[in-house]
Amino acid sequence: MFERIIDAHIHLDMYTPDDQSAILRELEPSGVEALIAVSNNLASAWKNLQLGRDDSRVKPAIGFHPEQPLPSDEEVADLLALMENHRDEIAAVGEVGMPYYLRREGKAGDRGAYIDILEVFIRKAMELDLPVALHAIYDDAPIVCDLLEKHSVAKAHFHWFKGDWKTVDRMLGNGYFVSVTPDILYKEKTRELARKYPLGQMMVETDGPWPFDGVFAGKMTHPGMIRRSIAEVAVLRHLPVDDVFERLYDNTRWFYGV
């Protein structure tokens, strides 16, 4: 039975130290081989680098999460330098993207400035030959697709994607990847995406410590939860569960080079 898994998107640095220790201790019993630990900002990136040094199963990504005020020029420069100086320690540039929720709350400021910063990170990813982990949903996704196409980015991962089917068709046509979270157990839009998107361009994630509802309500988000996600993908696509486990695992290993 093939049941190895990789969490393709987790904010490990945002857990308490005790919860981090518990998660890492429980990876092997849960069949989890690696965690793609995305960063929110410069301080977050340094934490994830240290977590990766302490445990080789943690694969850091360096980026600036867009759902926060714009970074200073100095922080952007420091992040770019960190990517370059620690290229051999990181799996991706991320999390980067556009501030959909912040903009909806009227707190995002200049949308063009976020686009400019994202383009800087995309260029760096191309320079360093690294994949990009993206926060790009709804009406932001076509803008991000424009940038990816402009720079001929091949390895783009739209984590926990939400958007229209026209954009979905554009993404899958460009070979971009998506990942689904444990909300596949109770969110119809996620279930629809899992039915339509090619299995060969799909991964699974938790986006922890973001909490989930349904059977996971009140529980700490744990990478082991994605076992249920994978089983649900198999049900939705009428495929043997072992085949889905193996395909999603292989997808993530190839995409992130882990």
C-alpha atoms as a PDB file:
ATOM      1  CA  MET A   1       0.000   0.000   0.000  1.00  0.00           C
ATOM      2  CA  PHE A   2       1.418   3.378  -1.066  1.00  0.00           C
ATOM      3  CA  GLU A   3       0.610   6.088   1.482  1.00  0.00           C
ATOM      4  CA  ARG A   4       3.586   8.453   1.581  1.00  0.00           C
ATOM      5  CA  ILE A   5       2.618  12.110   1.533  1.00  0.00           C
ATOM      6  CA  ILE A   6       4.123  15.596   1.359  1.00  0.00           C
ATOM      7  CA  ASP A   7       2.410  18.705   2.698  1.00  0.00           C
ATOM      8  CA  ALA A   8       2.876  21.112  -0.210  1.00  0.00           C
ATOM      9  CA  HIS A   9       2.104  24.296   1.748  1.00  0.00           C
ATOM     10  CA  ILE A  10       2.350  24.891   5.499  1.00  0.00           C
ATOM     11  CA  HIS A  11       3.310  27.857   7.691  1.00  0.00           C
ATOM     12  CA  LEU A  12       5.306  25.770  10.148  1.00  0.00           C
ATOM     13  CA  ASP A  13       6.956  28.822  11.719  1.00  0.00           C
ATOM     14  CA  MET A  14       3.530  30.114  12.828  1.00  0.00           C
ATOM     15  CA  TYR A  15       2.909  27.175  15.167  1.00  0.00           C
ATOM     16  CA  THR A  16       4.027  27.356  18.783  1.00  0.00           C
ATOM     17  CA  PRO A  17       7.352  25.638  19.505  1.00  0.00           C
ATOM     18  CA  ASP A  18       5.515  22.848  21.319  1.00  0.00           C
ATOM     19  CA  ASP A  19       3.170  22.294  18.374  1.00  0.00           C
ATOM     20  CA  GLN A  20       6.094  22.363  15.941  1.00  0.00           C
ATOM     21  CA  SER A  21       7.815  19.658  17.981  1.00  0.00           C
ATOM     22  CA  ALA A  22       4.644  17.560  18.096  1.00  0.00           C
ATOM     23  CA  ILE A  23       4.121  17.850  14.342  1.00  0.00           C
ATOM     24  CA  LEU A  24       7.703  16.890  13.541  1.00  0.00           C
ATOM     25  CA  ARG A  25       7.589  14.006  16.013  1.00  0.00           C
ATOM     26  CA  GLU A  26       4.410  12.691  14.392  1.00  0.00           C
ATOM     27  CA  LEU A  27       5.468  13.010  10.732  1.00  0.00           C
ATOM     28  CA  GLU A  28       6.833   9.503  10.406  1.00  0.00           C
ATOM     29  CA  PRO A  29       3.829   7.773  12.049  1.00  0.00           C
ATOM     30  CA  SER A  30       1.587   9.839   9.745  1.00  0.00           C
ATOM     31  CA  GLY A  31       3.522   8.824   6.620  1.00  0.00           C
ATOM     32  CA  VAL A  32       4.559  12.441   5.948  1.00  0.00           C
ATOM     33  CA  GLU A  33       7.985  12.648   4.324  1.00  0.00           C
ATOM     34  CA  ALA A  34       8.369  16.415   3.908  1.00  0.00           C
ATOM     35  CA  LEU A  35       6.828  19.817   4.566  1.00  0.00           C
ATOM     36  CA  ILE A  36       7.076  22.751   2.162  1.00  0.00           C
ATOM     37  CA  ALA A  37       7.372  25.500   4.778  1.00  0.00           C
ATOM     38  CA  VAL A  38       6.424  28.805   3.169  1.00  0.00           C
ATOM     39  CA  SER A  39       7.391  32.181   4.651  1.00  0.00           C
ATOM     40  CA  ASN A  40       5.409  35.342   5.345  1.00  0.00           C
ATOM     41  CA  ASN A  41       8.229  37.893   5.573  1.00  0.00           C
ATOM     42  CA  LEU A  42      11.915  38.236   6.429  1.00  0.00           C
ATOM     43  CA  ALA A  43      11.622  37.131  10.058  1.00  0.00           C
ATOM     44  CA  SER A  44       9.463  34.188   9.006  1.00  0.00           C
ATOM     45  CA  ALA A  45      12.026  33.188   6.374  1.00  0.00           C
ATOM     46  CA  TRP A  46      14.830  33.084   8.927  1.00  0.00           C
ATOM     47  CA  LYS A  47      12.686  30.900  11.215  1.00  0.00           C
ATOM     48  CA  ASN A  48      11.930  28.468   8.411  1.00  0.00           C
ATOM     49  CA  LEU A  49      15.576  28.285   7.408  1.00  0.00           C
ATOM     50  CA  GLN A  50      16.441  27.318  10.978  1.00  0.00           C
ATOM     51  CA  LEU A  51      13.639  24.756  11.101  1.00  0.00           C
ATOM     52  CA  GLY A  52      15.041  23.254   7.909  1.00  0.00           C
ATOM     53  CA  ARG A  53      18.527  23.088   9.382  1.00  0.00           C
ATOM     54  CA  ASP A  54      17.199  21.383  12.494  1.00  0.00           C
ATOM     55  CA  ASP A  55      15.106  18.850  10.549  1.00  0.00           C
ATOM     56  CA  SER A  56      15.841  17.963   6.924  1.00  0.00           C
ATOM     57  CA  ARG A  57      12.202  17.054   6.312  1.00  0.00           C
ATOM     58  CA  VAL A  58      11.355  20.766   6.510  1.00  0.00           C
ATOM     59  CA  LYS A  59      11.880  22.355   3.087  1.00  0.00           C
ATOM     60  CA  PRO A  60      11.844  26.162   3.451  1.00  0.00           C
ATOM     61  CA  ALA A  61      10.492  28.592   0.896  1.00  0.00           C
ATOM     62  CA  ILE A  62      11.293  32.312   1.080  1.00  0.00           C
ATOM     63  CA  GLY A  63       8.815  35.021   0.178  1.00  0.00           C
ATOM     64  CA  PHE A  64       6.536  37.832   1.328  1.00  0.00           C
ATOM     65  CA  HIS A  65       2.885  36.978   1.936  1.00  0.00           C
ATOM     66  CA  PRO A  66       0.758  39.608   0.188  1.00  0.00           C
ATOM     67  CA  GLU A  67      -2.021  39.799   2.796  1.00  0.00           C
ATOM     68  CA  GLN A  68      -0.110  42.419   4.811  1.00  0.00           C
ATOM     69  CA  PRO A  69       1.095  45.994   4.287  1.00  0.00           C
ATOM     70  CA  LEU A  70       3.698  46.478   1.598  1.00  0.00           C
ATOM     71  CA  PRO A  71       7.262  45.647   2.636  1.00  0.00           C
ATOM     72  CA  SER A  72       9.960  48.286   2.710  1.00  0.00           C
ATOM     73  CA  ASP A  73      12.511  48.394  -0.096  1.00  0.00           C
ATOM     74  CA  GLU A  74      15.058  47.228   2.460  1.00  0.00           C
ATOM     75  CA  GLU A  75      13.038  44.143   3.396  1.00  0.00           C
ATOM     76  CA  VAL A  76      12.537  43.211  -0.261  1.00  0.00           C
ATOM     77  CA  ALA A  77      16.272  43.583  -0.865  1.00  0.00           C
ATOM     78  CA  ASP A  78      17.032  41.457   2.207  1.00  0.00           C
ATOM     79  CA  LEU A  79      14.609  38.750   1.059  1.00  0.00           C
ATOM     80  CA  LEU A  80      16.167  38.644  -2.400  1.00  0.00           C
ATOM     81  CA  ALA A  81      19.642  38.420  -0.883  1.00  0.00           C
ATOM     82  CA  LEU A  82      18.477  35.660   1.437  1.00  0.00           C
ATOM     83  CA  MET A  83      17.147  33.659  -1.510  1.00  0.00           C
ATOM     84  CA  GLU A  84      20.400  34.054  -3.365  1.00  0.00           C
ATOM     85  CA  ASN A  85      22.692  33.346  -0.423  1.00  0.00           C
ATOM     86  CA  HIS A  86      20.710  30.305   0.712  1.00  0.00           C
ATOM     87  CA  ARG A  87      19.665  28.937  -2.662  1.00  0.00           C
ATOM     88  CA  ASP A  88      20.771  25.413  -1.751  1.00  0.00           C
ATOM     89  CA  GLU A  89      18.610  25.392   1.386  1.00  0.00           C
ATOM     90  CA  ILE A  90      15.296  26.478  -0.118  1.00  0.00           C
ATOM     91  CA  ALA A  91      12.685  24.661  -2.178  1.00  0.00           C
ATOM     92  CA  ALA A  92      10.852  27.650  -3.659  1.00  0.00           C
ATOM     93  CA  VAL A  93      10.098  31.338  -3.729  1.00  0.00           C
ATOM     94  CA  GLY A  94       6.974  31.756  -1.647  1.00  0.00           C
ATOM     95  CA  GLU A  95       4.562  32.573  -0.415  1.00  0.00           C
ATOM     96  CA  VAL A  96       4.091  35.481  -2.799  1.00  0.00           C
ATOM     97  CA  GLY A  97       1.127  36.881  -4.693  1.00  0.00           C
ATOM     98  CA  MET A  98      -1.652  39.439  -4.466  1.00  0.00           C
ATOM     99  CA  PRO A  99      -3.631  40.785  -1.455  1.00  0.00           C
ATOM    100  CA  TYR A 100      -7.198  39.775  -2.280  1.00  0.00           C
ATOM    101  CA  TYR A 101      -8.567  39.751   1.283  1.00  0.00           C
ATOM    102  CA  LEU A 102      -6.670  42.851   2.373  1.00  0.00           C
ATOM    103  CA  ARG A 103      -7.906  44.697  -0.703  1.00  0.00           C
ATOM    104  CA  ARG A 104     -11.481  43.597  -0.022  1.00  0.00           C
ATOM    105  CA  GLU A 105     -11.156  45.169   3.429  1.00  0.00           C
ATOM    106  CA  GLY A 106      -9.848  48.386   1.881  1.00  0.00           C
ATOM    107  CA  LYS A 107      -6.438  48.004   3.538  1.00  0.00           C
ATOM    108  CA  ALA A 108      -4.194  46.996   0.641  1.00  0.00           C
ATOM    109  CA  GLY A 109      -3.119  50.387  -0.676  1.00  0.00           C
ATOM    110  CA  ASP A 110      -1.690  50.582  -4.181  1.00  0.00           C
ATOM    111  CA  ARG A 111      -2.518  47.390  -6.103  1.00  0.00           C
ATOM    112  CA  GLY A 112       0.107  48.263  -8.680  1.00  0.00           C
ATOM    113  CA  ALA A 113       2.806  48.259  -6.017  1.00  0.00           C
ATOM    114  CA  TYR A 114       1.906  44.693  -5.046  1.00  0.00           C
ATOM    115  CA  ILE A 115       2.092  43.687  -8.707  1.00  0.00           C
ATOM    116  CA  ASP A 116       5.534  45.286  -8.985  1.00  0.00           C
ATOM    117  CA  ILE A 117       6.837  43.440  -5.915  1.00  0.00           C
ATOM    118  CA  LEU A 118       5.410  40.142  -7.127  1.00  0.00           C
ATOM    119  CA  GLU A 119       7.164  40.632 -10.448  1.00  0.00           C
ATOM    120  CA  VAL A 120      10.445  41.186  -8.603  1.00  0.00           C
ATOM    121  CA  PHE A 121      10.013  37.859  -6.823  1.00  0.00           C
ATOM    122  CA  ILE A 122       9.020  36.071 -10.023  1.00  0.00           C
ATOM    123  CA  ARG A 123      12.134  37.379 -11.744  1.00  0.00           C
ATOM    124  CA  LYS A 124      14.248  36.137  -8.841  1.00  0.00           C
ATOM    125  CA  ALA A 125      12.632  32.720  -9.011  1.00  0.00           C
ATOM    126  CA  MET A 126      13.499  32.493 -12.683  1.00  0.00           C
ATOM    127  CA  GLU A 127      17.064  33.658 -12.044  1.00  0.00           C
ATOM    128  CA  LEU A 128      17.543  31.015  -9.341  1.00  0.00           C
ATOM    129  CA  ASP A 129      15.573  28.312 -11.205  1.00  0.00           C
ATOM    130  CA  LEU A 130      13.100  27.898  -8.346  1.00  0.00           C
ATOM    131  CA  PRO A 131       9.359  27.170  -8.405  1.00  0.00           C
ATOM    132  CA  VAL A 132       6.916  29.820  -7.174  1.00  0.00           C
ATOM    133  CA  ALA A 133       4.328  29.230  -4.433  1.00  0.00           C
ATOM    134  CA  LEU A 134       1.454  31.634  -5.024  1.00  0.00           C
ATOM    135  CA  HIS A 135      -1.387  33.272  -3.151  1.00  0.00           C
ATOM    136  CA  ALA A 136      -3.514  34.348  -6.122  1.00  0.00           C
ATOM    137  CA  ILE A 137      -7.268  33.921  -6.040  1.00  0.00           C
ATOM    138  CA  TYR A 138     -10.423  35.220  -7.726  1.00  0.00           C
ATOM    139  CA  ASP A 139      -9.817  38.350  -9.828  1.00  0.00           C
ATOM    140  CA  ASP A 140      -6.141  38.484  -8.859  1.00  0.00           C
ATOM    141  CA  ALA A 141      -5.384  35.168 -10.537  1.00  0.00           C
ATOM    142  CA  PRO A 142      -5.526  36.433 -14.158  1.00  0.00           C
ATOM    143  CA  ILE A 143      -3.125  39.255 -13.241  1.00  0.00           C
ATOM    144  CA  VAL A 144      -0.707  36.730 -11.797  1.00  0.00           C
ATOM    145  CA  CYS A 145      -1.098  34.527 -14.865  1.00  0.00           C
ATOM    146  CA  ASP A 146      -0.139  37.552 -16.990  1.00  0.00           C
ATOM    147  CA  LEU A 147       3.108  37.929 -15.027  1.00  0.00           C
ATOM    148  CA  LEU A 148       3.907  34.224 -15.147  1.00  0.00           C
ATOM    149  CA  GLU A 149       3.370  34.146 -18.903  1.00  0.00           C
ATOM    150  CA  LYS A 150       5.407  37.324 -19.363  1.00  0.00           C
ATOM    151  CA  HIS A 151       8.400  35.684 -17.697  1.00  0.00           C
ATOM    152  CA  SER A 152       7.777  32.176 -19.113  1.00  0.00           C
ATOM    153  CA  VAL A 153       7.428  30.630 -15.669  1.00  0.00           C
ATOM    154  CA  ALA A 154       6.866  26.882 -15.922  1.00  0.00           C
ATOM    155  CA  LYS A 155       6.712  25.898 -12.242  1.00  0.00           C
ATOM    156  CA  ALA A 156       3.895  27.873 -10.631  1.00  0.00           C
ATOM    157  CA  HIS A 157       1.867  26.534  -7.695  1.00  0.00           C
ATOM    158  CA  PHE A 158      -1.472  28.223  -6.946  1.00  0.00           C
ATOM    159  CA  HIS A 159      -2.090  27.057  -3.413  1.00  0.00           C
ATOM    160  CA  TRP A 160      -5.699  26.650  -2.169  1.00  0.00           C
ATOM    161  CA  PHE A 161      -6.923  28.119  -5.436  1.00  0.00           C
ATOM    162  CA  LYS A 162     -10.323  29.794  -5.748  1.00  0.00           C
ATOM    163  CA  GLY A 163     -11.445  31.387  -8.997  1.00  0.00           C
ATOM    164  CA  ASP A 164     -13.470  31.168 -12.191  1.00  0.00           C
ATOM    165  CA  TRP A 165     -13.323  28.306 -14.661  1.00  0.00           C
ATOM    166  CA  LYS A 166     -11.909  30.471 -17.444  1.00  0.00           C
ATOM    167  CA  THR A 167      -8.847  31.133 -15.279  1.00  0.00           C
ATOM    168  CA  VAL A 168      -8.690  27.468 -14.287  1.00  0.00           C
ATOM    169  CA  ASP A 169      -8.550  26.496 -17.956  1.00  0.00           C
ATOM    170  CA  ARG A 170      -5.776  29.029 -18.524  1.00  0.00           C
ATOM    171  CA  MET A 171      -3.793  27.697 -15.573  1.00  0.00           C
ATOM    172  CA  LEU A 172      -4.056  24.060 -16.523  1.00  0.00           C
ATOM    173  CA  GLY A 173      -3.211  24.909 -20.123  1.00  0.00           C
ATOM    174  CA  ASN A 174       0.003  26.559 -18.924  1.00  0.00           C
ATOM    175  CA  GLY A 175       0.921  23.549 -16.819  1.00  0.00           C
ATOM    176  CA  TYR A 176       0.480  25.331 -13.487  1.00  0.00           C
ATOM    177  CA  PHE A 177      -0.193  23.308 -10.355  1.00  0.00           C
ATOM    178  CA  VAL A 178      -2.905  23.662  -7.735  1.00  0.00           C
ATOM    179  CA  SER A 179      -3.234  22.117  -4.300  1.00  0.00           C
ATOM    180  CA  VAL A 180      -6.289  21.265  -2.247  1.00  0.00           C
ATOM    181  CA  THR A 181      -6.712  21.488   1.512  1.00  0.00           C
ATOM    182  CA  PRO A 182      -8.766  19.423   3.960  1.00  0.00           C
ATOM    183  CA  ASP A 183     -11.768  21.608   3.119  1.00  0.00           C
ATOM    184  CA  ILE A 184     -12.236  19.218   0.187  1.00  0.00           C
ATOM    185  CA  LEU A 185     -14.282  17.194   2.665  1.00  0.00           C
ATOM    186  CA  TYR A 186     -16.968  19.878   2.962  1.00  0.00           C
ATOM    187  CA  LYS A 187     -16.457  22.700   0.406  1.00  0.00           C
ATOM    188  CA  GLU A 188     -18.147  22.064  -2.924  1.00  0.00           C
ATOM    189  CA  LYS A 189     -15.929  24.516  -4.853  1.00  0.00           C
ATOM    190  CA  THR A 190     -12.817  22.649  -3.719  1.00  0.00           C
ATOM    191  CA  ARG A 191     -14.460  19.371  -4.638  1.00  0.00           C
ATOM    192  CA  GLU A 192     -15.290  20.712  -8.106  1.00  0.00           C
ATOM    193  CA  LEU A 193     -11.699  21.805  -8.629  1.00  0.00           C
ATOM    194  CA  ALA A 194     -10.438  18.374  -7.568  1.00  0.00           C
ATOM    195  CA  ARG A 195     -12.773  16.747 -10.092  1.00  0.00           C
ATOM    196  CA  LYS A 196     -11.760  18.978 -13.005  1.00  0.00           C
ATOM    197  CA  TYR A 197      -8.071  19.746 -12.597  1.00  0.00           C
ATOM    198  CA  PRO A 198      -5.661  17.169 -14.060  1.00  0.00           C
ATOM    199  CA  LEU A 199      -4.361  14.823 -11.383  1.00  0.00           C
ATOM    200  CA  GLY A 200      -0.884  15.226 -12.840  1.00  0.00           C
ATOM    201  CA  GLN A 201      -0.944  18.937 -11.891  1.00  0.00           C
ATOM    202  CA  MET A 202      -2.322  18.577  -8.392  1.00  0.00           C
ATOM    203  CA  MET A 203      -0.864  18.508  -4.885  1.00  0.00           C
ATOM    204  CA  VAL A 204      -2.249  18.471  -1.346  1.00  0.00           C
ATOM    205  CA  GLU A 205      -1.607  20.899   1.494  1.00  0.00           C
ATOM    206  CA  THR A 206      -2.823  22.009   4.903  1.00  0.00           C
ATOM    207  CA  ASP A 207      -1.948  25.734   4.903  1.00  0.00           C
ATOM    208  CA  GLY A 208      -1.563  25.136   8.640  1.00  0.00           C
ATOM    209  CA  PRO A 209      -2.034  26.467  11.172  1.00  0.00           C
ATOM    210  CA  TRP A 210      -5.186  27.655   9.383  1.00  0.00           C
ATOM    211  CA  PRO A 211      -8.054  25.743  11.072  1.00  0.00           C
ATOM    212  CA  PHE A 212     -10.659  23.620   9.317  1.00  0.00           C
ATOM    213  CA  ASP A 213     -14.294  22.718   9.926  1.00  0.00           C
ATOM    214  CA  GLY A 214     -16.211  19.502   9.490  1.00  0.00           C
ATOM    215  CA  VAL A 215     -14.477  16.476  10.997  1.00  0.00           C
ATOM    216  CA  PHE A 216     -11.462  18.671  11.788  1.00  0.00           C
ATOM    217  CA  ALA A 217     -13.346  21.341  13.728  1.00  0.00           C
ATOM    218  CA  GLY A 218     -11.565  22.305  16.933  1.00  0.00           C
ATOM    219  CA  LYS A 219      -8.413  20.366  16.037  1.00  0.00           C
ATOM    220  CA  MET A 220      -4.917  21.707  15.447  1.00  0.00           C
ATOM    221  CA  THR A 221      -4.194  21.563  11.730  1.00  0.00           C
ATOM    222  CA  HIS A 222      -1.750  18.709  11.205  1.00  0.00           C
ATOM    223  CA  PRO A 223      -0.088  17.435   8.001  1.00  0.00           C
ATOM    224  CA  GLY A 224      -1.601  14.035   8.688  1.00  0.00           C
ATOM    225  CA  MET A 225      -5.008  15.502   7.841  1.00  0.00           C
ATOM    226  CA  ILE A 226      -4.177  15.439   4.163  1.00  0.00           C
ATOM    227  CA  ARG A 227      -4.510  11.671   4.170  1.00  0.00           C
ATOM    228  CA  ARG A 228      -8.257  12.284   4.290  1.00  0.00           C
ATOM    229  CA  SER A 229      -7.896  14.846   1.486  1.00  0.00           C
ATOM    230  CA  ILE A 230      -6.164  12.317  -0.758  1.00  0.00           C
ATOM    231  CA  ALA A 231      -8.742   9.639  -0.020  1.00  0.00           C
ATOM    232  CA  GLU A 232     -11.474  12.123  -0.977  1.00  0.00           C
ATOM    233  CA  VAL A 233      -9.721  12.992  -4.249  1.00  0.00           C
ATOM    234  CA  ALA A 234      -9.714   9.274  -5.057  1.00  0.00           C
ATOM    235  CA  VAL A 235     -13.442   9.035  -4.361  1.00  0.00           C
ATOM    236  CA  LEU A 236     -14.265  12.115  -6.444  1.00  0.00           C
ATOM    237  CA  ARG A 237     -12.230  10.884  -9.400  1.00  0.00           C
ATOM    238  CA  HIS A 238     -13.248   7.213  -9.102  1.00  0.00           C
ATOM    239  CA  LEU A 239      -9.633   6.079  -8.874  1.00  0.00           C
ATOM    240  CA  PRO A 240      -7.824   3.571  -6.638  1.00  0.00           C
ATOM    241  CA  VAL A 241      -6.674   5.415  -3.528  1.00  0.00           C
ATOM    242  CA  ASP A 242      -3.147   3.968  -3.738  1.00  0.00           C
ATOM    243  CA  ASP A 243      -2.762   5.381  -7.249  1.00  0.00           C
ATOM    244  CA  VAL A 244      -3.814   8.839  -6.072  1.00  0.00           C
ATOM    245  CA  PHE A 245      -1.448   8.762  -3.093  1.00  0.00           C
ATOM    246  CA  GLU A 246       1.440   7.834  -5.369  1.00  0.00           C
ATOM    247  CA  ARG A 247       0.630  10.368  -8.085  1.00  0.00           C
ATOM    248  CA  LEU A 248       0.252  13.325  -5.712  1.00  0.00           C
ATOM    249  CA  TYR A 249       3.423  12.344  -3.881  1.00  0.00           C
ATOM    250  CA  ASP A 250       5.362  12.097  -7.148  1.00  0.00           C
ATOM    251  CA  ASN A 251       3.925  15.413  -8.338  1.00  0.00           C
ATOM    252  CA  THR A 252       5.122  17.230  -5.220  1.00  0.00           C
ATOM    253  CA  ARG A 253       8.538  15.596  -5.198  1.00  0.00           C
ATOM    254  CA  TRP A 254       9.090  16.611  -8.800  1.00  0.00           C
ATOM    255  CA  PHE A 255       7.687  20.122  -8.472  1.00  0.00           C
ATOM    256  CA  TYR A 256       9.673  21.076  -5.374  1.00  0.00           C
ATOM    257  CA  GLY A 257      12.680  18.881  -5.995  1.00  0.00           C
ATOM    258  CA  VAL A 258      12.517  17.149  -2.621  1.00  0.00           C
END
